[in-house]
Amino acid sequence: MGDAVTKREWGDVVEEFLLYLAAERGLSLHYRISVEQSLRRFEQWCRTAGYAPLSVQEAQLAEYQHWLRRDAGLAPSSCRVAVVHLRVFFRYLTASRVLPENPAVLLRSGVAGHPVPETLSAETVNRLLQSIDPSDVPFGARDRAMLEMLYGSGLRVSELVSLRAEQVDWEEMFLRVRGKGGKSRYVPLGGVAARALRCYMEHSRPKLLRNGRRADVLFLSNRGAALTRERIRQIICTRALQAGIPEHVFPHILRHSFATHLLENGADLRVIQDMLGHADLATTQIYTHVDQKRLVSLHRQFHPRGKH
């Protein structure tokens, strides 16, 4: 197969794949641009190394992954994302019968080289939440409800800011969340978070609505408008400082803590995957490394021969 033909075919299948991500998977333009950049980087590497992109085998993909980690100048997280994009792409090519078999089936996303997510201990989370007085209307009740839901249901901050009243199922105690790529999932609404949310909706939200205006989203600013992600980040940082917590606390650390504490208490990894809305189990597996790190720490602390 000539290089010009391969290049033309590569461009065709990449375009088809991007259309598939948009039409069939409903993934965002931002995500599709990221995928296109990953595939363009891979194509350039193949040309430089003298490989036809659609003819690579496992050995070439392993070589490329090594190049990403050592020579591409990318952060570990970016390397991992690039590998995930390749895995999804080659799986699509195999399913579409463009390729007879998947050369990336054994390609790992490099979780071991990915930074372990920051988390808070259960005691620290409890200290943060207990420091916010829900009887302080309207802002104490609002902030307590937001943080209880970020931690209790593992929501992304983008999911929290867009949450509407009709997404709360009070009878079944579930939230219907619209996540990445417009995909819906159901996550439990714990008893503590539910009580905090009811308190906010009954006592605080009406006070935040100004001049009888309507607002579709649940959580409102002091002007009666939807909160922004940046404003929620500021609120959480301020609340952590007021609670005397020295760690850097940001919205996503509560989601990380949600997943880690579930895993530590025996929850199945696939259940956690569903609740977080991860498309790939490999994304969720990063939390096993948090748990392993904790076990190593406990071993070193308590086992007679655990210390160095």
Protein backbone atom coordinates (compact mmCIF):
# COMPACT_ATOMS: atom_id res chain seq x y z
CA MET A 1 0.00 0.00 0.00
CA GLY A 2 1.51 3.34 -1.05
CA ASP A 3 2.05 6.09 1.50
CA ALA A 4 -0.18 8.56 -0.39
CA VAL A 5 -3.06 6.06 -0.37
CA THR A 6 -2.50 5.33 3.32
CA LYS A 7 -2.46 9.03 4.13
CA ARG A 8 -5.72 9.59 2.25
CA GLU A 9 -7.35 6.63 3.97
CA TRP A 10 -6.09 7.81 7.34
CA GLY A 11 -7.73 11.19 6.80
CA ASP A 12 -10.97 9.53 5.73
CA VAL A 13 -11.22 7.24 8.74
CA VAL A 14 -10.31 10.02 11.17
CA GLU A 15 -13.07 12.19 9.73
CA GLU A 16 -15.55 9.32 9.97
CA PHE A 17 -14.50 8.66 13.56
CA LEU A 18 -15.00 12.30 14.55
CA LEU A 19 -18.45 12.26 12.95
CA TYR A 20 -19.22 9.08 14.90
CA LEU A 21 -18.20 10.78 18.17
CA ALA A 22 -20.52 13.70 17.38
CA ALA A 23 -23.53 11.87 15.94
CA GLU A 24 -23.53 8.51 17.75
CA ARG A 25 -21.80 9.32 21.03
CA GLY A 26 -22.98 12.92 21.37
CA LEU A 27 -19.56 14.08 22.56
CA SER A 28 -18.72 17.76 22.76
CA LEU A 29 -16.79 19.81 20.23
CA HIS A 30 -14.07 20.35 22.84
CA TYR A 31 -13.63 16.59 23.26
CA ARG A 32 -13.58 15.99 19.51
CA ILE A 33 -10.89 18.64 19.03
CA SER A 34 -8.81 16.94 21.74
CA VAL A 35 -9.20 13.58 19.98
CA GLU A 36 -8.24 15.10 16.63
CA GLN A 37 -5.10 16.59 18.16
CA SER A 38 -4.15 13.20 19.62
CA LEU A 39 -4.61 11.44 16.29
CA ARG A 40 -2.70 14.14 14.42
CA ARG A 41 0.21 13.76 16.87
CA PHE A 42 0.17 10.00 16.36
CA GLU A 43 0.13 10.37 12.57
CA GLN A 44 3.10 12.76 12.65
CA TRP A 45 5.05 10.35 14.85
CA CYS A 46 4.28 7.47 12.47
CA ARG A 47 5.49 9.47 9.44
CA THR A 48 8.70 10.43 11.22
CA ALA A 49 9.32 6.83 12.32
CA GLY A 50 8.53 5.48 8.87
CA TYR A 51 5.30 3.66 9.77
CA ALA A 52 1.97 3.72 7.97
CA PRO A 53 -0.56 4.74 10.70
CA LEU A 54 -3.15 2.15 9.69
CA SER A 55 -0.58 -0.65 9.57
CA VAL A 56 0.93 -0.34 13.04
CA GLN A 57 1.05 -3.34 15.33
CA GLU A 58 1.33 -3.72 19.09
CA ALA A 59 5.11 -3.18 19.07
CA GLN A 60 4.83 0.16 17.26
CA LEU A 61 2.07 1.34 19.59
CA ALA A 62 4.19 0.42 22.61
CA GLU A 63 7.06 2.37 21.05
CA TYR A 64 4.77 5.36 20.55
CA GLN A 65 3.56 5.19 24.15
CA HIS A 66 7.17 5.17 25.32
CA TRP A 67 7.84 8.25 23.15
CA LEU A 68 4.82 10.02 24.64
CA ARG A 69 6.06 9.45 28.17
CA ARG A 70 9.71 10.29 27.61
CA ASP A 71 10.10 12.64 24.63
CA ALA A 72 6.81 14.35 23.74
CA GLY A 73 7.02 16.95 26.48
CA LEU A 74 3.52 16.17 27.74
CA ALA A 75 2.27 16.01 31.31
CA PRO A 76 1.46 12.46 32.54
CA SER A 77 -2.25 13.26 32.41
CA SER A 78 -1.97 14.38 28.77
CA CYS A 79 -0.06 11.19 27.87
CA ARG A 80 -2.78 9.12 29.44
CA VAL A 81 -5.52 10.98 27.55
CA ALA A 82 -3.63 10.51 24.26
CA VAL A 83 -3.43 6.75 24.85
CA VAL A 84 -7.12 6.53 25.76
CA HIS A 85 -7.97 8.34 22.50
CA LEU A 86 -5.92 5.80 20.52
CA ARG A 87 -7.58 2.87 22.26
CA VAL A 88 -11.07 4.21 21.47
CA PHE A 89 -10.06 5.01 17.88
CA PHE A 90 -8.63 1.57 17.10
CA ARG A 91 -11.58 -0.12 18.80
CA TYR A 92 -13.84 1.87 16.45
CA LEU A 93 -11.75 0.87 13.41
CA THR A 94 -12.05 -2.80 14.36
CA ALA A 95 -15.79 -2.59 15.01
CA SER A 96 -16.21 -0.79 11.66
CA ARG A 97 -14.12 -3.50 9.93
CA VAL A 98 -11.60 -0.98 8.69
CA LEU A 99 -9.01 -3.17 10.43
CA PRO A 100 -9.29 -6.97 10.84
CA GLU A 101 -8.05 -6.88 14.45
CA ASN A 102 -7.31 -4.30 17.11
CA PRO A 103 -3.56 -3.63 17.57
CA ALA A 104 -4.28 -1.48 20.64
CA VAL A 105 -6.13 -4.16 22.61
CA LEU A 106 -3.20 -4.56 25.02
CA LEU A 107 -2.31 -0.87 25.10
CA ARG A 108 -2.59 0.35 28.66
CA SER A 109 -3.48 3.91 29.53
CA GLY A 110 -0.58 4.22 31.90
CA VAL A 111 -2.43 4.59 35.18
CA ALA A 112 0.74 3.90 37.15
CA GLY A 113 2.37 6.96 35.64
CA HIS A 114 -0.65 9.13 36.26
CA PRO A 115 -0.63 11.35 39.34
CA VAL A 116 -2.74 9.96 42.16
CA PRO A 117 -5.73 12.28 42.64
CA GLU A 118 -5.73 14.46 45.71
CA THR A 119 -8.30 13.49 48.32
CA LEU A 120 -9.39 14.52 51.78
CA SER A 121 -9.79 12.13 54.67
CA ALA A 122 -13.32 11.36 55.82
CA GLU A 123 -12.55 13.25 59.03
CA THR A 124 -11.46 16.35 57.10
CA VAL A 125 -14.55 16.26 54.88
CA ASN A 126 -16.76 15.94 57.94
CA ARG A 127 -14.96 18.87 59.58
CA LEU A 128 -15.50 21.00 56.49
CA LEU A 129 -19.19 20.16 56.22
CA GLN A 130 -19.92 20.53 59.92
CA SER A 131 -18.32 23.98 59.91
CA ILE A 132 -21.10 25.34 57.66
CA ASP A 133 -24.18 26.27 59.67
CA PRO A 134 -27.37 25.43 57.71
CA SER A 135 -29.39 27.76 59.96
CA ASP A 136 -27.42 30.65 58.47
CA VAL A 137 -29.95 31.64 55.79
CA PRO A 138 -29.53 32.00 52.89
CA PHE A 139 -25.82 31.33 52.33
CA GLY A 140 -25.00 28.80 55.03
CA ALA A 141 -27.86 26.54 53.99
CA ARG A 142 -26.98 26.94 50.31
CA ASP A 143 -23.27 26.22 50.75
CA ARG A 144 -23.89 23.27 53.05
CA ALA A 145 -26.28 21.72 50.51
CA MET A 146 -23.84 22.24 47.63
CA LEU A 147 -20.90 20.65 49.43
CA GLU A 148 -23.01 17.78 50.78
CA MET A 149 -24.07 16.98 47.20
CA LEU A 150 -20.60 17.31 45.68
CA TYR A 151 -19.26 14.86 48.26
CA GLY A 152 -22.37 12.72 48.84
CA SER A 153 -23.18 12.11 45.16
CA GLY A 154 -19.78 12.63 43.53
CA LEU A 155 -21.05 15.34 41.19
CA ARG A 156 -18.85 17.35 38.87
CA VAL A 157 -19.14 21.06 39.58
CA SER A 158 -20.50 21.55 36.04
CA GLU A 159 -23.27 19.09 36.89
CA LEU A 160 -24.04 20.88 40.14
CA VAL A 161 -24.38 24.35 38.58
CA SER A 162 -26.82 23.05 35.94
CA LEU A 163 -28.90 20.90 38.32
CA ARG A 164 -32.65 21.59 38.21
CA ALA A 165 -35.47 20.72 40.61
CA GLU A 166 -37.02 18.18 38.22
CA GLN A 167 -33.77 16.17 38.28
CA VAL A 168 -34.32 15.32 41.95
CA ASP A 169 -36.37 12.17 42.58
CA TRP A 170 -37.44 12.58 46.20
CA GLU A 171 -39.36 9.32 46.28
CA GLU A 172 -36.49 7.10 45.12
CA MET A 173 -33.78 9.43 46.52
CA PHE A 174 -31.87 9.70 43.25
CA LEU A 175 -30.52 12.50 41.10
CA ARG A 176 -30.81 12.32 37.31
CA VAL A 177 -27.57 13.96 36.25
CA ARG A 178 -26.66 15.12 32.76
CA GLY A 179 -22.94 14.55 32.45
CA LYS A 180 -20.24 14.72 29.80
CA GLY A 181 -21.40 14.28 26.23
CA GLY A 182 -24.98 14.92 27.30
CA LYS A 183 -25.23 11.43 28.83
CA SER A 184 -27.67 10.98 31.70
CA ARG A 185 -27.01 8.84 34.73
CA TYR A 186 -28.68 8.24 38.08
CA VAL A 187 -26.76 8.78 41.30
CA PRO A 188 -27.99 8.24 44.85
CA LEU A 189 -29.00 11.22 46.95
CA GLY A 190 -27.89 10.33 50.47
CA GLY A 191 -30.00 11.11 53.50
CA VAL A 192 -27.70 13.84 54.83
CA ALA A 193 -27.44 15.54 51.45
CA ALA A 194 -31.20 15.26 50.97
CA ARG A 195 -31.89 16.99 54.30
CA ALA A 196 -29.43 19.76 53.45
CA LEU A 197 -31.02 20.21 50.02
CA ARG A 198 -34.54 20.40 51.49
CA CYS A 199 -33.39 22.96 54.03
CA TYR A 200 -31.89 25.09 51.27
CA MET A 201 -34.92 24.82 49.00
CA GLU A 202 -37.41 25.63 51.73
CA HIS A 203 -35.59 28.42 53.57
CA SER A 204 -32.83 29.88 51.40
CA ARG A 205 -33.72 29.58 47.75
CA PRO A 206 -36.90 31.69 48.02
CA LYS A 207 -34.83 34.48 49.59
CA LEU A 208 -32.31 34.37 46.74
CA LEU A 209 -35.01 34.74 44.08
CA ARG A 210 -35.35 38.47 43.51
CA ASN A 211 -38.38 40.49 42.47
CA GLY A 212 -40.44 37.39 41.80
CA ARG A 213 -38.18 36.31 38.94
CA ARG A 214 -37.85 32.66 38.00
CA ALA A 215 -34.70 30.58 37.82
CA ASP A 216 -34.52 27.05 36.50
CA VAL A 217 -31.35 25.94 38.24
CA LEU A 218 -31.37 24.91 41.89
CA PHE A 219 -28.37 26.78 43.26
CA LEU A 220 -28.47 30.55 43.02
CA SER A 221 -26.14 33.47 43.62
CA ASN A 222 -26.94 36.46 45.81
CA ARG A 223 -28.39 38.08 42.67
CA GLY A 224 -30.79 35.24 42.04
CA ALA A 225 -28.89 33.95 39.00
CA ALA A 226 -27.10 30.65 38.39
CA LEU A 227 -23.79 30.24 40.16
CA THR A 228 -20.69 29.85 38.02
CA ARG A 229 -18.12 27.11 38.45
CA GLU A 230 -15.53 29.70 39.43
CA ARG A 231 -17.83 31.14 42.11
CA ILE A 232 -18.38 27.68 43.59
CA ARG A 233 -14.62 27.16 43.67
CA GLN A 234 -14.25 30.45 45.57
CA ILE A 235 -16.98 29.46 48.02
CA ILE A 236 -15.34 26.10 48.76
CA CYS A 237 -11.89 27.67 49.25
CA THR A 238 -13.38 30.25 51.63
CA ARG A 239 -15.29 27.63 53.61
CA ALA A 240 -12.15 25.48 53.94
CA LEU A 241 -10.17 28.43 55.26
CA GLN A 242 -12.92 29.22 57.76
CA ALA A 243 -12.83 25.58 58.91
CA GLY A 244 -9.08 25.82 59.45
CA ILE A 245 -8.27 23.16 56.86
CA PRO A 246 -4.69 23.58 55.61
CA GLU A 247 -5.10 21.47 52.45
CA HIS A 248 -5.92 23.08 49.13
CA VAL A 249 -9.63 22.33 48.78
CA PHE A 250 -11.31 22.62 45.37
CA PRO A 251 -14.59 21.22 43.97
CA HIS A 252 -13.13 18.15 42.27
CA ILE A 253 -11.33 17.03 45.44
CA LEU A 254 -14.76 16.30 46.92
CA ARG A 255 -15.58 14.07 43.91
CA HIS A 256 -12.21 12.31 44.30
CA SER A 257 -12.91 11.85 48.03
CA PHE A 258 -16.39 10.48 47.27
CA ALA A 259 -14.93 7.75 45.03
CA THR A 260 -11.99 6.95 47.30
CA HIS A 261 -14.10 6.63 50.45
CA LEU A 262 -16.57 4.34 48.65
CA LEU A 263 -13.70 2.12 47.52
CA GLU A 264 -12.12 2.07 50.97
CA ASN A 265 -15.41 0.90 52.43
CA GLY A 266 -15.80 -1.99 50.01
CA ALA A 267 -17.83 -0.61 47.08
CA ASP A 268 -17.40 -2.39 43.74
CA LEU A 269 -15.29 -0.48 41.24
CA ARG A 270 -17.90 -0.82 38.48
CA VAL A 271 -20.58 0.62 40.74
CA ILE A 272 -18.31 3.59 41.40
CA GLN A 273 -17.73 3.88 37.64
CA ASP A 274 -21.49 4.12 37.06
CA MET A 275 -21.97 6.72 39.77
CA LEU A 276 -19.12 8.87 38.47
CA GLY A 277 -20.29 8.55 34.87
CA HIS A 278 -16.96 7.27 33.55
CA ALA A 279 -17.18 5.75 30.07
CA ASP A 280 -14.03 3.68 30.62
CA LEU A 281 -13.29 1.61 33.73
CA ALA A 282 -9.62 2.56 33.34
CA THR A 283 -10.54 6.10 34.34
CA THR A 284 -12.08 4.83 37.59
CA GLN A 285 -9.15 2.51 38.34
CA ILE A 286 -7.00 5.48 39.33
CA TYR A 287 -8.78 5.33 42.69
CA THR A 288 -7.43 1.85 43.37
CA HIS A 289 -3.99 3.47 43.53
CA VAL A 290 -5.25 5.86 46.19
CA ASP A 291 -6.44 2.87 48.21
CA GLN A 292 -3.17 1.01 47.65
CA LYS A 293 -1.23 4.08 48.80
CA ARG A 294 -3.31 4.15 52.00
CA LEU A 295 -2.68 0.44 52.62
CA VAL A 296 1.08 0.91 52.18
CA SER A 297 0.97 3.78 54.65
CA LEU A 298 -0.95 1.69 57.20
CA HIS A 299 1.47 -1.22 56.74
CA ARG A 300 4.47 1.00 57.35
CA GLN A 301 2.82 2.53 60.40
CA PHE A 302 1.59 -0.60 62.17
CA HIS A 303 3.51 -3.66 60.93
CA PRO A 304 6.63 -4.55 62.96
CA ARG A 305 8.69 -4.75 59.77
CA GLY A 306 6.84 -2.14 57.80
CA LYS A 307 9.22 0.72 58.54
CA HIS A 308 12.29 1.28 56.37
